Amino acid sequence: MSIDQIAPEALKLPAQDRAMLAATPWQSLEDPFEFAIGRTDDEAINLAIDRDTEIESGAAVPLSHEELMSRLRR
């Protein structure tokens, strides 16, 4: 089932049910900031430099925001 199929049905639920439904998958996600918090400023800067080097060398291809969101929705 896709988000396009689930969302309209979920929106038909009463507010309390929607809140419970939203909480369940949300709680299953890892904290996206947890890993970043453990980094020192120097580690974060070095990671940014490494990523920039990868992009400039062609080893990594950056995604536009639109492409990232599209992939996350799939």
Protein backbone atom coordinates (compact mmCIF):
# COMPACT_ATOMS: atom_id res chain seq x y z
CA MET A 1 0.00 0.00 0.00
CA SER A 2 1.31 3.47 -0.79
CA ILE A 3 1.08 6.73 1.13
CA ASP A 4 -1.28 7.96 -1.58
CA GLN A 5 -3.68 5.16 -0.68
CA ILE A 6 -3.26 5.32 3.09
CA ALA A 7 -3.39 9.09 3.68
CA PRO A 8 -6.92 9.75 2.41
CA GLU A 9 -8.27 6.86 4.48
CA ALA A 10 -6.35 7.96 7.57
CA LEU A 11 -7.78 11.46 7.25
CA LYS A 12 -11.28 10.03 7.56
CA LEU A 13 -10.53 8.82 11.09
CA PRO A 14 -11.52 10.80 14.19
CA ALA A 15 -8.80 13.14 15.52
CA GLN A 16 -7.83 10.89 18.44
CA ASP A 17 -7.42 7.87 16.14
CA ARG A 18 -5.36 9.94 13.68
CA ALA A 19 -3.09 11.04 16.53
CA MET A 20 -2.59 7.45 17.65
CA LEU A 21 -1.98 6.36 14.08
CA ALA A 22 0.59 9.12 13.55
CA ALA A 23 2.41 8.29 16.79
CA THR A 24 2.97 4.64 15.93
CA PRO A 25 5.24 5.02 12.87
CA TRP A 26 6.79 8.19 14.32
CA GLN A 27 7.97 6.30 17.40
CA SER A 28 9.51 3.61 15.20
CA LEU A 29 11.90 6.11 13.61
CA GLU A 30 15.38 6.63 14.94
CA ASP A 31 16.30 10.10 16.09
CA PRO A 32 17.83 11.75 13.00
CA PHE A 33 19.81 14.12 15.22
CA GLU A 34 21.23 11.51 17.58
CA PHE A 35 24.25 10.69 15.43
CA ALA A 36 24.98 14.34 14.67
CA ILE A 37 24.93 15.26 18.36
CA GLY A 38 27.73 12.80 19.07
CA ARG A 39 30.07 14.55 16.64
CA THR A 40 32.55 17.20 17.58
CA ASP A 41 32.70 20.36 15.49
CA ASP A 42 35.94 19.14 13.91
CA GLU A 43 34.35 15.80 12.97
CA ALA A 44 31.35 17.55 11.44
CA ILE A 45 33.57 19.92 9.45
CA ASN A 46 35.73 17.03 8.22
CA LEU A 47 32.61 15.11 7.16
CA ALA A 48 31.33 18.16 5.25
CA ILE A 49 34.72 18.54 3.53
CA ASP A 50 34.74 14.84 2.63
CA ARG A 51 31.20 15.06 1.18
CA ASP A 52 32.13 18.16 -0.81
CA THR A 53 35.18 16.38 -2.20
CA GLU A 54 33.04 13.36 -3.17
CA ILE A 55 30.57 15.60 -4.99
CA GLU A 56 33.24 17.60 -6.79
CA SER A 57 35.11 14.44 -7.88
CA GLY A 58 31.90 12.81 -9.12
CA ALA A 59 32.14 9.96 -6.61
CA ALA A 60 28.79 11.07 -5.20
CA VAL A 61 25.91 12.73 -6.99
CA PRO A 62 23.88 15.23 -4.97
CA LEU A 63 20.10 15.04 -4.96
CA SER A 64 17.81 18.00 -5.28
CA HIS A 65 15.35 18.50 -2.46
CA GLU A 66 12.55 17.47 -4.82
CA GLU A 67 14.31 14.21 -5.74
CA LEU A 68 15.06 13.40 -2.11
CA MET A 69 11.44 13.93 -1.09
CA SER A 70 10.25 11.86 -4.04
CA ARG A 71 12.50 8.96 -3.03
CA LEU A 72 11.43 9.19 0.60
CA ARG A 73 7.78 8.97 -0.40
CA ARG A 74 8.36 5.71 -2.29
